[in-house]
Amino acid sequence: MNPDLVIFDCDGVLVDSEPISNKALAQTLNRIGLHITYEETLNIFLGRSWEDSLFTITKMLGHNPPSNLYDLYRSRMYEWFKKDLKQVSGIVGAVGALKDLKFPYCVASSGSYEKIQTTLGITNLMPLFKGKIFSASDVSRGKPAPDLFLLAANMMGADPLNTIVVEDSEPGVRAAIAANMRVLGYAERTDPLTLSSAGAETFDNMDHLSTYIINLS
């Protein structure tokens, strides 16, 4: 049976933003006195909303961070996005194959609408996802809670049990599993064991996405 819906995460699945954003975050946090490596930011913050990340940052610091922390981080991140951000290899062909198969799809990301629209705009992917974008700002609980994926399925008229999620982070996989959705874990940059342990069936070649989806469904 064909899926009712394919939900894409954005960062790390559509756009290759995770190395840039996490390096920007590590640099920003070090400048406010929280000594953390790039690798540690990936382990701690990958796939989480800014609200969840801010809670963790405050806990790690032992006090409230500067009120302009997000602005500092955002400014550095967007500057680097404009210079270096690229599409995930093979994503245009993968989405095109879903369109040819008439599989409905959308994006549901832990990022803000501004960030999603900025990254999709820089990488020329916005025309593929216009009108099909959902953000963690739409729900009270971000990933790993299922709320965002359930909202996307509801708004797209899809049965969660017949929805497939494409994710690259452990919190995102956990969110999809909690929503009773099947998950394909994109493991180009993420340890496949991390994704499979959370409940995903892993893959590392976006060119074959439609085949993986057909096999799942």
N, C-alpha and C. Protein backbone atom coordinates (compact mmCIF):
# COMPACT_ATOMS: atom_id res chain seq x y z
N MET A 1 0.85 -1.20 0.00
CA MET A 1 0.00 0.00 0.00
C MET A 1 0.88 1.24 0.00
N ASN A 2 0.52 2.22 -0.82
CA ASN A 2 1.28 3.46 -0.88
C ASN A 2 1.10 4.26 0.40
N PRO A 3 2.13 5.01 0.81
CA PRO A 3 2.00 5.82 2.02
C PRO A 3 1.03 6.97 1.81
N ASP A 4 0.31 7.33 2.89
CA ASP A 4 -0.53 8.53 2.86
C ASP A 4 0.33 9.78 2.77
N LEU A 5 1.52 9.72 3.37
CA LEU A 5 2.35 10.91 3.50
C LEU A 5 3.79 10.50 3.78
N VAL A 6 4.72 11.26 3.21
CA VAL A 6 6.14 11.16 3.56
C VAL A 6 6.53 12.50 4.19
N ILE A 7 7.00 12.45 5.44
CA ILE A 7 7.42 13.67 6.14
C ILE A 7 8.93 13.73 6.17
N PHE A 8 9.49 14.82 5.67
CA PHE A 8 10.93 15.04 5.73
C PHE A 8 11.28 15.96 6.90
N ASP A 9 12.30 15.59 7.66
CA ASP A 9 12.98 16.58 8.48
C ASP A 9 13.70 17.53 7.52
N CYS A 10 14.13 18.68 8.01
CA CYS A 10 14.81 19.64 7.14
C CYS A 10 16.32 19.58 7.30
N ASP A 11 16.82 19.98 8.47
CA ASP A 11 18.26 20.04 8.69
C ASP A 11 18.87 18.65 8.67
N GLY A 12 19.80 18.44 7.74
CA GLY A 12 20.47 17.15 7.64
C GLY A 12 19.78 16.17 6.71
N VAL A 13 18.56 16.48 6.29
CA VAL A 13 17.81 15.61 5.38
C VAL A 13 17.58 16.32 4.04
N LEU A 14 17.14 17.55 4.10
CA LEU A 14 16.97 18.36 2.88
C LEU A 14 18.18 19.24 2.62
N VAL A 15 18.67 19.87 3.67
CA VAL A 15 19.82 20.78 3.56
C VAL A 15 20.94 20.29 4.47
N ASP A 16 22.17 20.44 4.00
CA ASP A 16 23.32 19.94 4.75
C ASP A 16 23.78 21.01 5.75
N SER A 17 22.90 21.31 6.69
CA SER A 17 23.10 22.44 7.59
C SER A 17 23.71 22.07 8.93
N GLU A 18 23.65 20.80 9.33
CA GLU A 18 24.06 20.44 10.68
C GLU A 18 25.52 20.78 10.99
N PRO A 19 26.48 20.51 10.10
CA PRO A 19 27.85 20.91 10.42
C PRO A 19 27.98 22.42 10.64
N ILE A 20 27.31 23.20 9.81
CA ILE A 20 27.41 24.65 9.92
C ILE A 20 26.76 25.14 11.21
N SER A 21 25.52 24.72 11.45
CA SER A 21 24.79 25.25 12.60
C SER A 21 25.42 24.81 13.91
N ASN A 22 25.94 23.60 13.99
CA ASN A 22 26.54 23.14 15.23
C ASN A 22 27.92 23.75 15.47
N LYS A 23 28.67 24.04 14.42
CA LYS A 23 29.92 24.78 14.61
C LYS A 23 29.63 26.20 15.08
N ALA A 24 28.59 26.81 14.52
CA ALA A 24 28.20 28.15 14.96
C ALA A 24 27.74 28.13 16.41
N LEU A 25 26.99 27.09 16.79
CA LEU A 25 26.53 26.99 18.17
C LEU A 25 27.69 26.79 19.12
N ALA A 26 28.62 25.90 18.78
CA ALA A 26 29.78 25.66 19.64
C ALA A 26 30.59 26.94 19.83
N GLN A 27 30.81 27.67 18.76
CA GLN A 27 31.58 28.91 18.86
C GLN A 27 30.86 29.94 19.72
N THR A 28 29.55 30.04 19.54
CA THR A 28 28.77 31.00 20.31
C THR A 28 28.77 30.65 21.80
N LEU A 29 28.59 29.38 22.12
CA LEU A 29 28.56 28.96 23.52
C LEU A 29 29.92 29.13 24.18
N ASN A 30 30.99 28.87 23.45
CA ASN A 30 32.31 29.09 24.02
C ASN A 30 32.54 30.57 24.33
N ARG A 31 31.99 31.44 23.52
CA ARG A 31 32.18 32.87 23.74
C ARG A 31 31.41 33.40 24.95
N ILE A 32 30.41 32.64 25.41
CA ILE A 32 29.71 33.07 26.63
C ILE A 32 30.17 32.26 27.84
N GLY A 33 31.24 31.48 27.66
CA GLY A 33 31.84 30.80 28.80
C GLY A 33 31.46 29.35 28.99
N LEU A 34 30.68 28.78 28.06
CA LEU A 34 30.34 27.36 28.14
C LEU A 34 31.28 26.61 27.20
N HIS A 35 32.25 25.94 27.76
CA HIS A 35 33.28 25.29 26.95
C HIS A 35 32.75 23.95 26.43
N ILE A 36 32.55 23.90 25.13
CA ILE A 36 31.93 22.75 24.50
C ILE A 36 32.52 22.58 23.11
N THR A 37 32.67 21.35 22.66
CA THR A 37 33.22 21.09 21.34
C THR A 37 32.09 20.95 20.31
N TYR A 38 32.49 21.03 19.07
CA TYR A 38 31.54 20.81 17.97
C TYR A 38 30.90 19.43 18.08
N GLU A 39 31.72 18.43 18.37
CA GLU A 39 31.20 17.06 18.48
C GLU A 39 30.18 16.95 19.62
N GLU A 40 30.43 17.65 20.72
CA GLU A 40 29.50 17.63 21.85
C GLU A 40 28.18 18.31 21.50
N THR A 41 28.23 19.38 20.72
CA THR A 41 26.96 20.02 20.32
C THR A 41 26.13 19.08 19.46
N LEU A 42 26.78 18.31 18.59
CA LEU A 42 26.06 17.33 17.78
C LEU A 42 25.38 16.29 18.66
N ASN A 43 26.11 15.80 19.65
CA ASN A 43 25.56 14.76 20.53
C ASN A 43 24.42 15.27 21.39
N ILE A 44 24.51 16.53 21.81
CA ILE A 44 23.54 17.06 22.78
C ILE A 44 22.34 17.72 22.10
N PHE A 45 22.58 18.48 21.03
CA PHE A 45 21.54 19.35 20.49
C PHE A 45 20.96 18.93 19.14
N LEU A 46 21.56 17.99 18.46
CA LEU A 46 21.10 17.61 17.12
C LEU A 46 19.63 17.17 17.15
N GLY A 47 18.82 17.81 16.32
CA GLY A 47 17.42 17.44 16.18
C GLY A 47 16.47 18.09 17.16
N ARG A 48 17.00 18.91 18.07
CA ARG A 48 16.14 19.50 19.10
C ARG A 48 15.78 20.95 18.75
N SER A 49 14.64 21.39 19.24
CA SER A 49 14.20 22.76 19.02
C SER A 49 15.08 23.72 19.83
N TRP A 50 15.04 25.01 19.47
CA TRP A 50 15.81 26.00 20.22
C TRP A 50 15.33 26.07 21.66
N GLU A 51 14.04 25.96 21.90
CA GLU A 51 13.51 26.03 23.26
C GLU A 51 14.09 24.91 24.12
N ASP A 52 14.12 23.69 23.59
CA ASP A 52 14.70 22.57 24.32
C ASP A 52 16.20 22.77 24.51
N SER A 53 16.86 23.27 23.47
CA SER A 53 18.30 23.50 23.55
C SER A 53 18.62 24.57 24.60
N LEU A 54 17.82 25.61 24.63
CA LEU A 54 18.05 26.69 25.59
C LEU A 54 17.91 26.19 27.03
N PHE A 55 16.95 25.32 27.25
CA PHE A 55 16.78 24.72 28.59
C PHE A 55 18.05 23.97 28.99
N THR A 56 18.60 23.19 28.05
CA THR A 56 19.81 22.42 28.33
C THR A 56 21.01 23.34 28.53
N ILE A 57 21.12 24.38 27.71
CA ILE A 57 22.23 25.33 27.85
C ILE A 57 22.20 26.00 29.22
N THR A 58 21.02 26.41 29.65
CA THR A 58 20.87 27.05 30.96
C THR A 58 21.30 26.11 32.07
N LYS A 59 20.91 24.84 31.94
CA LYS A 59 21.28 23.84 32.94
C LYS A 59 22.78 23.62 32.96
N MET A 60 23.41 23.59 31.79
CA MET A 60 24.85 23.37 31.71
C MET A 60 25.64 24.56 32.26
N LEU A 61 25.14 25.76 32.01
CA LEU A 61 25.80 26.96 32.51
C LEU A 61 25.64 27.11 34.02
N GLY A 62 24.48 26.68 34.53
CA GLY A 62 24.16 26.89 35.94
C GLY A 62 23.53 28.22 36.21
N HIS A 63 23.24 28.96 35.14
CA HIS A 63 22.56 30.26 35.26
C HIS A 63 22.00 30.62 33.89
N ASN A 64 21.19 31.65 33.85
CA ASN A 64 20.60 32.06 32.58
C ASN A 64 21.67 32.59 31.63
N PRO A 65 21.62 32.20 30.37
CA PRO A 65 22.56 32.75 29.39
C PRO A 65 22.17 34.19 29.04
N PRO A 66 23.03 34.90 28.31
CA PRO A 66 22.66 36.26 27.88
C PRO A 66 21.34 36.26 27.12
N SER A 67 20.58 37.30 27.30
CA SER A 67 19.26 37.37 26.67
C SER A 67 19.33 37.40 25.15
N ASN A 68 20.49 37.80 24.62
CA ASN A 68 20.65 37.87 23.16
C ASN A 68 21.38 36.66 22.60
N LEU A 69 21.41 35.55 23.36
CA LEU A 69 22.16 34.38 22.92
C LEU A 69 21.69 33.89 21.55
N TYR A 70 20.36 33.78 21.36
CA TYR A 70 19.88 33.27 20.08
C TYR A 70 20.27 34.22 18.94
N ASP A 71 20.20 35.52 19.18
CA ASP A 71 20.57 36.48 18.14
C ASP A 71 22.04 36.33 17.76
N LEU A 72 22.90 36.12 18.76
CA LEU A 72 24.33 35.91 18.48
C LEU A 72 24.54 34.66 17.64
N TYR A 73 23.88 33.59 18.06
CA TYR A 73 23.98 32.30 17.35
C TYR A 73 23.40 32.41 15.94
N ARG A 74 22.23 32.99 15.84
CA ARG A 74 21.54 33.10 14.55
C ARG A 74 22.37 33.92 13.56
N SER A 75 22.94 35.02 14.03
CA SER A 75 23.72 35.89 13.15
C SER A 75 24.91 35.15 12.56
N ARG A 76 25.63 34.42 13.41
CA ARG A 76 26.79 33.66 12.95
C ARG A 76 26.35 32.53 12.01
N MET A 77 25.31 31.82 12.40
CA MET A 77 24.83 30.69 11.60
C MET A 77 24.37 31.14 10.22
N TYR A 78 23.57 32.19 10.15
CA TYR A 78 23.05 32.65 8.86
C TYR A 78 24.16 33.18 7.97
N GLU A 79 25.15 33.82 8.57
CA GLU A 79 26.29 34.31 7.79
C GLU A 79 27.00 33.14 7.11
N TRP A 80 27.18 32.06 7.86
CA TRP A 80 27.84 30.87 7.29
C TRP A 80 26.94 30.13 6.32
N PHE A 81 25.63 30.11 6.58
CA PHE A 81 24.70 29.51 5.63
C PHE A 81 24.82 30.16 4.26
N LYS A 82 24.84 31.48 4.25
CA LYS A 82 24.88 32.21 2.97
C LYS A 82 26.12 31.87 2.17
N LYS A 83 27.21 31.54 2.84
CA LYS A 83 28.46 31.23 2.15
C LYS A 83 28.57 29.76 1.77
N ASP A 84 28.07 28.86 2.63
CA ASP A 84 28.43 27.46 2.49
C ASP A 84 27.29 26.45 2.41
N LEU A 85 26.06 26.87 2.67
CA LEU A 85 24.97 25.88 2.75
C LEU A 85 24.65 25.28 1.39
N LYS A 86 24.47 23.96 1.38
CA LYS A 86 24.13 23.24 0.15
C LYS A 86 22.98 22.26 0.42
N GLN A 87 22.36 21.83 -0.67
CA GLN A 87 21.36 20.76 -0.58
C GLN A 87 22.04 19.47 -0.14
N VAL A 88 21.28 18.61 0.52
CA VAL A 88 21.75 17.24 0.72
C VAL A 88 21.82 16.57 -0.66
N SER A 89 22.90 15.91 -0.92
CA SER A 89 23.11 15.28 -2.23
C SER A 89 21.98 14.31 -2.56
N GLY A 90 21.39 14.48 -3.73
CA GLY A 90 20.36 13.58 -4.22
C GLY A 90 18.94 13.93 -3.82
N ILE A 91 18.76 15.02 -3.04
CA ILE A 91 17.42 15.28 -2.51
C ILE A 91 16.44 15.74 -3.59
N VAL A 92 16.90 16.48 -4.58
CA VAL A 92 15.98 16.94 -5.63
C VAL A 92 15.44 15.74 -6.41
N GLY A 93 16.31 14.81 -6.74
CA GLY A 93 15.85 13.61 -7.44
C GLY A 93 14.94 12.77 -6.58
N ALA A 94 15.23 12.71 -5.28
CA ALA A 94 14.41 11.91 -4.36
C ALA A 94 13.00 12.47 -4.27
N VAL A 95 12.89 13.79 -4.12
CA VAL A 95 11.57 14.42 -4.06
C VAL A 95 10.85 14.29 -5.40
N GLY A 96 11.60 14.45 -6.47
CA GLY A 96 11.00 14.29 -7.79
C GLY A 96 10.43 12.90 -8.00
N ALA A 97 11.11 11.89 -7.50
CA ALA A 97 10.62 10.51 -7.62
C ALA A 97 9.32 10.33 -6.84
N LEU A 98 9.22 10.96 -5.65
CA LEU A 98 7.98 10.88 -4.88
C LEU A 98 6.83 11.56 -5.63
N LYS A 99 7.13 12.69 -6.25
CA LYS A 99 6.09 13.39 -7.03
C LYS A 99 5.63 12.52 -8.20
N ASP A 100 6.57 11.86 -8.87
CA ASP A 100 6.22 10.98 -9.98
C ASP A 100 5.33 9.82 -9.52
N LEU A 101 5.60 9.33 -8.30
CA LEU A 101 4.82 8.24 -7.73
C LEU A 101 3.51 8.71 -7.11
N LYS A 102 3.33 10.04 -7.07
CA LYS A 102 2.15 10.66 -6.47
C LYS A 102 2.04 10.35 -4.98
N PHE A 103 3.19 10.31 -4.31
CA PHE A 103 3.23 10.16 -2.86
C PHE A 103 3.22 11.56 -2.24
N PRO A 104 2.20 11.92 -1.46
CA PRO A 104 2.20 13.23 -0.79
C PRO A 104 3.39 13.36 0.15
N TYR A 105 3.91 14.58 0.28
CA TYR A 105 5.06 14.80 1.16
C TYR A 105 5.02 16.20 1.75
N CYS A 106 5.77 16.40 2.83
CA CYS A 106 5.90 17.72 3.46
C CYS A 106 7.18 17.73 4.27
N VAL A 107 7.47 18.86 4.91
CA VAL A 107 8.61 18.97 5.80
C VAL A 107 8.11 19.36 7.18
N ALA A 108 8.66 18.73 8.22
CA ALA A 108 8.34 19.06 9.61
C ALA A 108 9.65 19.12 10.38
N SER A 109 10.03 20.32 10.79
CA SER A 109 11.37 20.56 11.33
C SER A 109 11.34 21.17 12.72
N SER A 110 12.38 20.88 13.50
CA SER A 110 12.55 21.52 14.81
C SER A 110 12.91 22.99 14.67
N GLY A 111 13.33 23.42 13.50
CA GLY A 111 13.69 24.82 13.28
C GLY A 111 12.48 25.73 13.21
N SER A 112 12.72 27.01 13.35
CA SER A 112 11.67 28.01 13.19
C SER A 112 11.29 28.13 11.72
N TYR A 113 10.12 28.75 11.45
CA TYR A 113 9.75 28.99 10.06
C TYR A 113 10.80 29.83 9.36
N GLU A 114 11.33 30.81 10.07
CA GLU A 114 12.35 31.67 9.46
C GLU A 114 13.55 30.84 9.02
N LYS A 115 14.00 29.95 9.88
CA LYS A 115 15.17 29.14 9.55
C LYS A 115 14.86 28.19 8.40
N ILE A 116 13.71 27.52 8.46
CA ILE A 116 13.34 26.59 7.38
C ILE A 116 13.28 27.32 6.05
N GLN A 117 12.59 28.46 6.03
CA GLN A 117 12.43 29.21 4.79
C GLN A 117 13.77 29.76 4.29
N THR A 118 14.63 30.16 5.22
CA THR A 118 15.94 30.67 4.84
C THR A 118 16.79 29.57 4.21
N THR A 119 16.85 28.41 4.85
CA THR A 119 17.70 27.34 4.32
C THR A 119 17.16 26.77 3.02
N LEU A 120 15.84 26.62 2.93
CA LEU A 120 15.26 26.12 1.68
C LEU A 120 15.43 27.16 0.57
N GLY A 121 15.37 28.44 0.93
CA GLY A 121 15.57 29.50 -0.06
C GLY A 121 16.99 29.53 -0.59
N ILE A 122 17.97 29.48 0.32
CA ILE A 122 19.38 29.51 -0.08
C ILE A 122 19.71 28.34 -1.01
N THR A 123 19.12 27.19 -0.75
CA THR A 123 19.44 25.97 -1.52
C THR A 123 18.49 25.73 -2.69
N ASN A 124 17.59 26.69 -2.94
CA ASN A 124 16.65 26.61 -4.07
C ASN A 124 15.68 25.44 -3.97
N LEU A 125 15.37 25.02 -2.73
CA LEU A 125 14.41 23.93 -2.53
C LEU A 125 13.01 24.43 -2.19
N MET A 126 12.86 25.71 -1.95
CA MET A 126 11.57 26.23 -1.52
C MET A 126 10.43 25.90 -2.49
N PRO A 127 10.62 25.98 -3.81
CA PRO A 127 9.50 25.64 -4.71
C PRO A 127 8.95 24.23 -4.50
N LEU A 128 9.78 23.30 -4.05
CA LEU A 128 9.32 21.93 -3.84
C LEU A 128 8.47 21.78 -2.59
N PHE A 129 8.62 22.72 -1.63
CA PHE A 129 7.97 22.55 -0.33
C PHE A 129 7.04 23.70 0.04
N LYS A 130 6.84 24.64 -0.84
CA LYS A 130 5.96 25.76 -0.54
C LYS A 130 4.56 25.26 -0.20
N GLY A 131 4.03 25.73 0.95
CA GLY A 131 2.71 25.30 1.39
C GLY A 131 2.70 23.94 2.07
N LYS A 132 3.89 23.35 2.28
CA LYS A 132 3.99 22.02 2.89
C LYS A 132 5.01 22.03 4.02
N ILE A 133 5.05 23.12 4.79
CA ILE A 133 6.07 23.31 5.82
C ILE A 133 5.42 23.39 7.19
N PHE A 134 5.98 22.63 8.15
CA PHE A 134 5.52 22.65 9.54
C PHE A 134 6.75 22.81 10.44
N SER A 135 6.59 23.61 11.49
CA SER A 135 7.70 23.94 12.38
C SER A 135 7.36 23.57 13.81
N ALA A 136 8.40 23.34 14.61
CA ALA A 136 8.20 23.07 16.04
C ALA A 136 7.51 24.23 16.73
N SER A 137 7.55 25.41 16.13
CA SER A 137 6.85 26.56 16.73
C SER A 137 5.34 26.41 16.66
N ASP A 138 4.86 25.41 15.90
CA ASP A 138 3.42 25.14 15.80
C ASP A 138 2.89 24.34 16.98
N VAL A 139 3.78 23.75 17.78
CA VAL A 139 3.35 22.85 18.85
C VAL A 139 4.01 23.24 20.17
N SER A 140 3.43 22.75 21.26
CA SER A 140 3.98 23.10 22.57
C SER A 140 5.18 22.24 22.94
N ARG A 141 5.27 21.04 22.37
CA ARG A 141 6.39 20.14 22.65
C ARG A 141 7.10 19.76 21.36
N GLY A 142 8.40 20.02 21.30
CA GLY A 142 9.17 19.65 20.13
C GLY A 142 9.63 18.21 20.19
N LYS A 143 10.35 17.77 19.17
CA LYS A 143 10.92 16.44 19.16
C LYS A 143 11.82 16.27 20.39
N PRO A 144 11.79 15.14 21.08
CA PRO A 144 11.29 13.82 20.67
C PRO A 144 9.80 13.55 20.95
N ALA A 145 9.05 14.56 21.38
CA ALA A 145 7.60 14.38 21.49
C ALA A 145 7.01 14.22 20.09
N PRO A 146 5.90 13.51 19.95
CA PRO A 146 5.34 13.24 18.61
C PRO A 146 4.50 14.37 18.03
N ASP A 147 4.31 15.44 18.79
CA ASP A 147 3.31 16.46 18.45
C ASP A 147 3.46 17.03 17.04
N LEU A 148 4.68 17.36 16.65
CA LEU A 148 4.89 18.00 15.35
C LEU A 148 4.53 17.07 14.21
N PHE A 149 4.94 15.82 14.29
CA PHE A 149 4.63 14.87 13.22
C PHE A 149 3.13 14.58 13.17
N LEU A 150 2.50 14.50 14.33
CA LEU A 150 1.05 14.27 14.34
C LEU A 150 0.31 15.47 13.76
N LEU A 151 0.78 16.67 14.05
CA LEU A 151 0.17 17.87 13.46
C LEU A 151 0.30 17.85 11.94
N ALA A 152 1.49 17.54 11.45
CA ALA A 152 1.72 17.52 10.01
C ALA A 152 0.81 16.49 9.34
N ALA A 153 0.71 15.31 9.93
CA ALA A 153 -0.16 14.27 9.36
C ALA A 153 -1.61 14.73 9.35
N ASN A 154 -2.05 15.33 10.43
CA ASN A 154 -3.43 15.80 10.52
C ASN A 154 -3.71 16.88 9.47
N MET A 155 -2.81 17.83 9.34
CA MET A 155 -3.01 18.93 8.39
C MET A 155 -2.94 18.44 6.93
N MET A 156 -2.19 17.37 6.70
CA MET A 156 -2.07 16.83 5.34
C MET A 156 -3.09 15.73 5.08
N GLY A 157 -3.98 15.44 6.05
CA GLY A 157 -5.03 14.45 5.87
C GLY A 157 -4.51 13.02 5.81
N ALA A 158 -3.44 12.73 6.56
CA ALA A 158 -2.81 11.41 6.50
C ALA A 158 -3.03 10.63 7.79
N ASP A 159 -3.10 9.31 7.65
CA ASP A 159 -3.16 8.41 8.79
C ASP A 159 -1.74 8.22 9.32
N PRO A 160 -1.47 8.52 10.59
CA PRO A 160 -0.12 8.32 11.13
C PRO A 160 0.41 6.91 10.90
N LEU A 161 -0.45 5.92 10.96
CA LEU A 161 -0.02 4.54 10.78
C LEU A 161 0.44 4.25 9.36
N ASN A 162 0.05 5.13 8.42
CA ASN A 162 0.48 4.95 7.03
C ASN A 162 1.33 6.14 6.58
N THR A 163 2.06 6.72 7.55
CA THR A 163 2.96 7.84 7.28
C THR A 163 4.40 7.39 7.49
N ILE A 164 5.28 7.84 6.61
CA ILE A 164 6.71 7.52 6.71
C ILE A 164 7.48 8.81 6.95
N VAL A 165 8.38 8.77 7.91
CA VAL A 165 9.21 9.92 8.26
C VAL A 165 10.65 9.66 7.83
N VAL A 166 11.28 10.68 7.27
CA VAL A 166 12.70 10.62 6.92
C VAL A 166 13.45 11.54 7.87
N GLU A 167 14.28 10.97 8.72
CA GLU A 167 14.95 11.69 9.80
C GLU A 167 16.44 11.38 9.83
N ASP A 168 17.20 12.28 10.46
CA ASP A 168 18.63 12.03 10.62
C ASP A 168 19.09 12.16 12.07
N SER A 169 18.15 12.36 13.00
CA SER A 169 18.53 12.54 14.40
C SER A 169 17.78 11.57 15.30
N GLU A 170 18.40 11.24 16.41
CA GLU A 170 17.77 10.32 17.36
C GLU A 170 16.48 10.90 17.96
N PRO A 171 16.45 12.21 18.35
CA PRO A 171 15.17 12.76 18.83
C PRO A 171 14.07 12.72 17.77
N GLY A 172 14.44 12.94 16.51
CA GLY A 172 13.46 12.90 15.44
C GLY A 172 12.90 11.50 15.22
N VAL A 173 13.78 10.50 15.30
CA VAL A 173 13.33 9.11 15.16
C VAL A 173 12.39 8.76 16.31
N ARG A 174 12.76 9.13 17.53
CA ARG A 174 11.92 8.85 18.68
C ARG A 174 10.56 9.53 18.55
N ALA A 175 10.54 10.74 18.01
CA ALA A 175 9.27 11.45 17.82
C ALA A 175 8.38 10.71 16.84
N ALA A 176 8.96 10.22 15.75
CA ALA A 176 8.18 9.50 14.75
C ALA A 176 7.64 8.18 15.31
N ILE A 177 8.47 7.46 16.05
CA ILE A 177 8.04 6.21 16.65
C ILE A 177 6.90 6.47 17.64
N ALA A 178 7.03 7.54 18.43
CA ALA A 178 5.97 7.90 19.39
C ALA A 178 4.67 8.26 18.68
N ALA A 179 4.78 8.73 17.43
CA ALA A 179 3.59 9.06 16.64
C ALA A 179 3.05 7.86 15.88
N ASN A 180 3.63 6.68 16.10
CA ASN A 180 3.23 5.44 15.41
C ASN A 180 3.47 5.51 13.91
N MET A 181 4.57 6.15 13.53
CA MET A 181 4.95 6.27 12.14
C MET A 181 6.20 5.43 11.86
N ARG A 182 6.33 4.97 10.62
CA ARG A 182 7.55 4.27 10.20
C ARG A 182 8.64 5.31 9.97
N VAL A 183 9.90 4.92 10.20
CA VAL A 183 10.99 5.88 10.08
C VAL A 183 12.13 5.32 9.23
N LEU A 184 12.56 6.13 8.28
CA LEU A 184 13.80 5.87 7.57
C LEU A 184 14.84 6.82 8.13
N GLY A 185 15.92 6.27 8.68
CA GLY A 185 16.97 7.08 9.29
C GLY A 185 18.09 7.32 8.30
N TYR A 186 18.26 8.60 7.91
CA TYR A 186 19.31 8.95 6.94
C TYR A 186 20.64 9.05 7.68
N ALA A 187 21.54 8.13 7.36
CA ALA A 187 22.74 7.95 8.16
C ALA A 187 24.01 8.41 7.46
N GLU A 188 23.91 9.40 6.59
CA GLU A 188 25.12 9.88 5.94
C GLU A 188 26.08 10.50 6.96
N ARG A 189 25.54 11.28 7.90
CA ARG A 189 26.37 11.94 8.90
C ARG A 189 26.13 11.41 10.31
N THR A 190 25.02 10.71 10.53
CA THR A 190 24.67 10.21 11.86
C THR A 190 25.01 8.72 11.95
N ASP A 191 25.50 8.32 13.11
CA ASP A 191 25.81 6.90 13.33
C ASP A 191 24.55 6.07 13.10
N PRO A 192 24.57 5.12 12.16
CA PRO A 192 23.36 4.33 11.88
C PRO A 192 22.86 3.55 13.10
N LEU A 193 23.78 3.16 13.98
CA LEU A 193 23.37 2.43 15.18
C LEU A 193 22.53 3.32 16.10
N THR A 194 22.88 4.60 16.17
CA THR A 194 22.09 5.54 16.97
C THR A 194 20.67 5.62 16.45
N LEU A 195 20.53 5.66 15.13
CA LEU A 195 19.20 5.77 14.52
C LEU A 195 18.43 4.46 14.63
N SER A 196 19.09 3.35 14.36
CA SER A 196 18.39 2.06 14.41
C SER A 196 18.01 1.70 15.84
N SER A 197 18.83 2.07 16.81
CA SER A 197 18.50 1.79 18.21
C SER A 197 17.26 2.54 18.66
N ALA A 198 17.01 3.70 18.03
CA ALA A 198 15.82 4.48 18.36
C ALA A 198 14.59 3.99 17.60
N GLY A 199 14.77 3.11 16.61
CA GLY A 199 13.63 2.52 15.91
C GLY A 199 13.57 2.74 14.42
N ALA A 200 14.63 3.33 13.83
CA ALA A 200 14.62 3.61 12.39
C ALA A 200 15.20 2.46 11.59
N GLU A 201 14.78 2.37 10.34
CA GLU A 201 15.45 1.54 9.35
C GLU A 201 16.38 2.48 8.58
N THR A 202 17.67 2.21 8.60
CA THR A 202 18.64 3.19 8.13
C THR A 202 18.99 3.03 6.65
N PHE A 203 19.42 4.14 6.08
CA PHE A 203 19.92 4.17 4.71
C PHE A 203 20.91 5.32 4.60
N ASP A 204 21.76 5.30 3.57
CA ASP A 204 22.76 6.36 3.44
C ASP A 204 22.88 6.91 2.03
N ASN A 205 21.89 6.62 1.19
CA ASN A 205 21.94 7.09 -0.19
C ASN A 205 20.59 7.68 -0.57
N MET A 206 20.51 9.00 -0.64
CA MET A 206 19.24 9.66 -0.92
C MET A 206 18.73 9.34 -2.33
N ASP A 207 19.62 8.94 -3.23
CA ASP A 207 19.20 8.60 -4.60
C ASP A 207 18.23 7.42 -4.61
N HIS A 208 18.27 6.59 -3.58
CA HIS A 208 17.44 5.39 -3.54
C HIS A 208 16.24 5.54 -2.60
N LEU A 209 15.92 6.77 -2.20
CA LEU A 209 14.87 6.98 -1.20
C LEU A 209 13.53 6.39 -1.61
N SER A 210 13.11 6.62 -2.84
CA SER A 210 11.80 6.13 -3.26
C SER A 210 11.73 4.60 -3.18
N THR A 211 12.82 3.93 -3.48
CA THR A 211 12.86 2.47 -3.36
C THR A 211 12.72 2.03 -1.92
N TYR A 212 13.42 2.73 -1.01
CA TYR A 212 13.31 2.41 0.40
C TYR A 212 11.88 2.61 0.89
N ILE A 213 11.24 3.69 0.44
CA ILE A 213 9.87 3.98 0.87
C ILE A 213 8.90 2.91 0.36
N ILE A 214 9.06 2.52 -0.87
CA ILE A 214 8.19 1.48 -1.44
C ILE A 214 8.37 0.18 -0.65
N ASN A 215 9.61 -0.14 -0.28
CA ASN A 215 9.86 -1.35 0.48
C ASN A 215 9.27 -1.28 1.89
N LEU A 216 9.30 -0.08 2.48
CA LEU A 216 8.70 0.09 3.80
C LEU A 216 7.19 -0.04 3.76
N SER A 217 6.59 0.54 2.74
CA SER A 217 5.13 0.61 2.68
C SER A 217 4.53 -0.68 2.14
